[in-house]
Structure formats: structure tokens, C-alpha cells
C-alpha atoms as a PDB file:
ATOM      1  CA  MET A   1      23.210 -57.436 -69.799  1.00  0.00           C
ATOM      2  CA  ALA A   2      25.537 -55.060 -68.134  1.00  0.00           C
ATOM      3  CA  ARG A   3      23.222 -52.333 -69.193  1.00  0.00           C
ATOM      4  CA  ALA A   4      20.264 -54.124 -67.670  1.00  0.00           C
ATOM      5  CA  GLY A   5      22.161 -54.546 -64.403  1.00  0.00           C
ATOM      6  CA  ALA A   6      23.100 -50.897 -64.380  1.00  0.00           C
ATOM      7  CA  ALA A   7      19.486 -49.908 -65.104  1.00  0.00           C
ATOM      8  CA  ALA A   8      18.281 -52.172 -62.282  1.00  0.00           C
ATOM      9  CA  CYS A   9      20.752 -50.562 -59.884  1.00  0.00           C
ATOM     10  CA  ALA A  10      19.601 -47.133 -60.967  1.00  0.00           C
ATOM     11  CA  ARG A  11      15.988 -48.123 -60.379  1.00  0.00           C
ATOM     12  CA  ASP A  12      16.916 -49.532 -56.984  1.00  0.00           C
ATOM     13  CA  GLY A  13      18.643 -46.250 -56.155  1.00  0.00           C
ATOM     14  CA  GLU A  14      15.596 -44.328 -57.303  1.00  0.00           C
ATOM     15  CA  ALA A  15      13.374 -46.642 -55.270  1.00  0.00           C
ATOM     16  CA  MET A  16      15.503 -46.010 -52.194  1.00  0.00           C
ATOM     17  CA  THR A  17      15.474 -42.289 -52.881  1.00  0.00           C
ATOM     18  CA  ASP A  18      11.687 -42.368 -53.331  1.00  0.00           C
ATOM     19  CA  ALA A  19      11.304 -44.419 -50.148  1.00  0.00           C
ATOM     20  CA  ASN A  20      13.515 -41.962 -48.276  1.00  0.00           C
ATOM     21  CA  ALA A  21      11.519 -39.052 -49.655  1.00  0.00           C
ATOM     22  CA  ILE A  22       8.238 -40.705 -48.642  1.00  0.00           C
ATOM     23  CA  GLU A  23       9.626 -41.463 -45.185  1.00  0.00           C
ATOM     24  CA  ALA A  24      10.799 -37.850 -44.792  1.00  0.00           C
ATOM     25  CA  ALA A  25       7.435 -36.558 -46.000  1.00  0.00           C
ATOM     26  CA  THR A  26       5.677 -38.887 -43.554  1.00  0.00           C
ATOM     27  CA  ARG A  27       7.807 -37.568 -40.688  1.00  0.00           C
ATOM     28  CA  ARG A  28       7.062 -33.972 -41.717  1.00  0.00           C
ATOM     29  CA  LEU A  29       3.341 -34.794 -41.921  1.00  0.00           C
ATOM     30  CA  ALA A  30       3.428 -36.420 -38.466  1.00  0.00           C
ATOM     31  CA  ALA A  31       5.248 -33.387 -37.042  1.00  0.00           C
ATOM     32  CA  ALA A  32       2.714 -31.054 -38.682  1.00  0.00           C
ATOM     33  CA  LEU A  33      -0.174 -33.093 -37.241  1.00  0.00           C
ATOM     34  CA  ASP A  34       1.425 -32.995 -33.787  1.00  0.00           C
ATOM     35  CA  ALA A  35       1.816 -29.234 -34.083  1.00  0.00           C
ATOM     36  CA  LEU A  36      -1.819 -28.933 -35.210  1.00  0.00           C
ATOM     37  CA  GLU A  37      -3.031 -31.032 -32.268  1.00  0.00           C
ATOM     38  CA  ALA A  38      -0.998 -28.879 -29.886  1.00  0.00           C
ATOM     39  CA  ALA A  39      -2.449 -25.718 -31.421  1.00  0.00           C
ATOM     40  CA  VAL A  40      -5.986 -27.097 -31.110  1.00  0.00           C
ATOM     41  CA  GLU A  41      -5.370 -27.949 -27.444  1.00  0.00           C
ATOM     42  CA  ARG A  42      -3.981 -24.454 -26.791  1.00  0.00           C
ATOM     43  CA  ARG A  43      -7.078 -22.982 -28.444  1.00  0.00           C
ATOM     44  CA  ARG A  44      -9.387 -25.135 -26.332  1.00  0.00           C
ATOM     45  CA  GLU A  45      -7.533 -24.061 -23.205  1.00  0.00           C
ATOM     46  CA  ALA A  46      -7.808 -20.420 -24.283  1.00  0.00           C
ATOM     47  CA  ASP A  47     -11.544 -20.879 -24.852  1.00  0.00           C
ATOM     48  CA  ARG A  48     -11.921 -22.426 -21.386  1.00  0.00           C
ATOM     49  CA  SER A  49      -9.917 -19.559 -19.906  1.00  0.00           C
ATOM     50  CA  GLU A  50     -12.073 -17.057 -21.778  1.00  0.00           C
ATOM     51  CA  GLY A  51     -15.204 -18.682 -20.390  1.00  0.00           C
ATOM     52  CA  ALA A  52     -13.794 -18.563 -16.863  1.00  0.00           C
ATOM     53  CA  LEU A  53     -12.820 -14.936 -17.365  1.00  0.00           C
ATOM     54  CA  ALA A  54     -16.331 -14.088 -18.595  1.00  0.00           C
ATOM     55  CA  ALA A  55     -17.773 -15.744 -15.478  1.00  0.00           C
ATOM     56  CA  GLN A  56     -15.408 -13.712 -13.288  1.00  0.00           C
ATOM     57  CA  VAL A  57     -16.403 -10.494 -15.060  1.00  0.00           C
ATOM     58  CA  GLN A  58     -20.074 -11.362 -14.504  1.00  0.00           C
ATOM     59  CA  ALA A  59     -19.416 -12.049 -10.817  1.00  0.00           C
ATOM     60  CA  LEU A  60     -17.499  -8.775 -10.479  1.00  0.00           C
ATOM     61  CA  GLY A  61     -20.379  -6.906 -12.109  1.00  0.00           C
ATOM     62  CA  THR A  62     -22.818  -8.461  -9.651  1.00  0.00           C
ATOM     63  CA  ASP A  63     -20.530  -7.601  -6.724  1.00  0.00           C
ATOM     64  CA  ARG A  64     -20.148  -4.057  -8.017  1.00  0.00           C
ATOM     65  CA  SER A  65     -23.917  -3.607  -8.188  1.00  0.00           C
ATOM     66  CA  ARG A  66     -24.362  -4.999  -4.673  1.00  0.00           C
ATOM     67  CA  LEU A  67     -21.564  -2.818  -3.296  1.00  0.00           C
ATOM     68  CA  ALA A  68     -22.950   0.284  -5.021  1.00  0.00           C
ATOM     69  CA  SER A  69     -26.338  -0.391  -3.452  1.00  0.00           C
ATOM     70  CA  GLU A  70     -24.770  -0.909  -0.025  1.00  0.00           C
ATOM     71  CA  LEU A  71     -22.755   2.288  -0.451  1.00  0.00           C
ATOM     72  CA  ASP A  72     -25.898   4.242  -1.327  1.00  0.00           C
ATOM     73  CA  GLY A  73     -27.594   2.865   1.800  1.00  0.00           C
ATOM     74  CA  ALA A  74     -24.593   3.691   3.989  1.00  0.00           C
ATOM     75  CA  ALA A  75     -24.385   7.209   2.552  1.00  0.00           C
ATOM     76  CA  SER A  76     -28.091   7.724   3.246  1.00  0.00           C
ATOM     77  CA  ARG A  77     -27.720   6.503   6.844  1.00  0.00           C
ATOM     78  CA  SER A  78     -24.687   8.757   7.259  1.00  0.00           C
ATOM     79  CA  ARG A  79     -26.648  11.801   6.080  1.00  0.00           C
ATOM     80  CA  LYS A  80     -29.474  10.952   8.497  1.00  0.00           C
ATOM     81  CA  LEU A  81     -27.004  10.576  11.366  1.00  0.00           C
ATOM     82  CA  GLU A  82     -25.389  13.906  10.496  1.00  0.00           C
ATOM     83  CA  ASP A  83     -28.809  15.597  10.423  1.00  0.00           C
ATOM     84  CA  THR A  84     -29.721  14.005  13.765  1.00  0.00           C
ATOM     85  CA  ASN A  85     -26.359  15.031  15.224  1.00  0.00           C
ATOM     86  CA  ARG A  86     -26.920  18.643  14.153  1.00  0.00           C
ATOM     87  CA  GLU A  87     -30.433  18.614  15.667  1.00  0.00           C
ATOM     88  CA  ILE A  88     -29.117  17.195  18.951  1.00  0.00           C
ATOM     89  CA  ALA A  89     -26.312  19.777  19.002  1.00  0.00           C
ATOM     90  CA  LYS A  90     -28.883  22.561  18.560  1.00  0.00           C
ATOM     91  CA  ARG A  91     -31.043  21.186  21.390  1.00  0.00           C
ATOM     92  CA  LEU A  92     -28.010  20.858  23.661  1.00  0.00           C
ATOM     93  CA  ASP A  93     -27.044  24.465  22.906  1.00  0.00           C
ATOM     94  CA  VAL A  94     -30.572  25.589  23.838  1.00  0.00           C
ATOM     95  CA  ALA A  95     -30.492  23.496  27.027  1.00  0.00           C
ATOM     96  CA  ILE A  96     -27.043  24.851  27.984  1.00  0.00           C
ATOM     97  CA  ASP A  97     -28.202  28.420  27.353  1.00  0.00           C
ATOM     98  CA  SER A  98     -31.299  27.795  29.496  1.00  0.00           C
ATOM     99  CA  ILE A  99     -29.219  26.342  32.321  1.00  0.00           C
ATOM    100  CA  ARG A 100     -26.794  29.272  32.152  1.00  0.00           C
ATOM    101  CA  ALA A 101     -29.672  31.714  32.268  1.00  0.00           C
ATOM    102  CA  VAL A 102     -31.084  29.979  35.326  1.00  0.00           C
ATOM    103  CA  ILE A 103     -27.668  29.936  37.010  1.00  0.00           C
ATOM    104  CA  GLU A 104     -27.070  33.612  36.249  1.00  0.00           C
ATOM    105  CA  THR A 105     -30.370  34.579  37.846  1.00  0.00           C
ATOM    106  CA  GLN A 106     -29.507  32.761  41.082  1.00  0.00           C
ATOM    107  CA  PRO A 107     -28.005  34.966  43.788  1.00  0.00           C
END
């Protein structure tokens, strides 16, 4: 009987050890699942951020195209104004020369 009691105690010890091992494994599994959920949430956030970034890049591309078009228009207007300015300067020079010639011929 003493042997049976000792065997029962050994089995109880093994049962406690097995229960402790299962409890530890369960805690590790729960921690791993928590870490996995956190990683999934970080990935979702990264995907949302990537989508927002893609939208910003698209908007910047649209703005760039609009600004390039406006710059081309402004450059064209500037060239026209410069041409007009040169033409006016030439006409003023002719008018000034004509006025000087008239003044020089006056006694």
C-alpha cells in the first residue's frame, strides 16, 4: 500500500506539473495571439497610411500638372509683354528722334 500511495503522489505531482505546463503554454499562446493581433492592426494602419499617401501623391501630381500649365501660360504672356515693350521702346525712340529733329530745326 505504501507503494500505491507513493505512486498516487507521483501521479498527482505529474498532474500538477502537466497542469502547470498547460497553463504556461496557454499563457504563451495568449501572448502570441495578442502579438499577432497587434501586428495585424499595425499592418492595417500601414495599409491605410499607404492609401492616404497614394492619394496625396495623386493630388500632388494633379497640382504639378496644373502649375506647369499655369507657368507655361505666364511665360508666354511674359514673352508677349517683353516683345510689346521692345516695340514700344522702338516707337518712343523714333518719336523722340522726330521731336529732336523738329526742335533742332527751330530757330
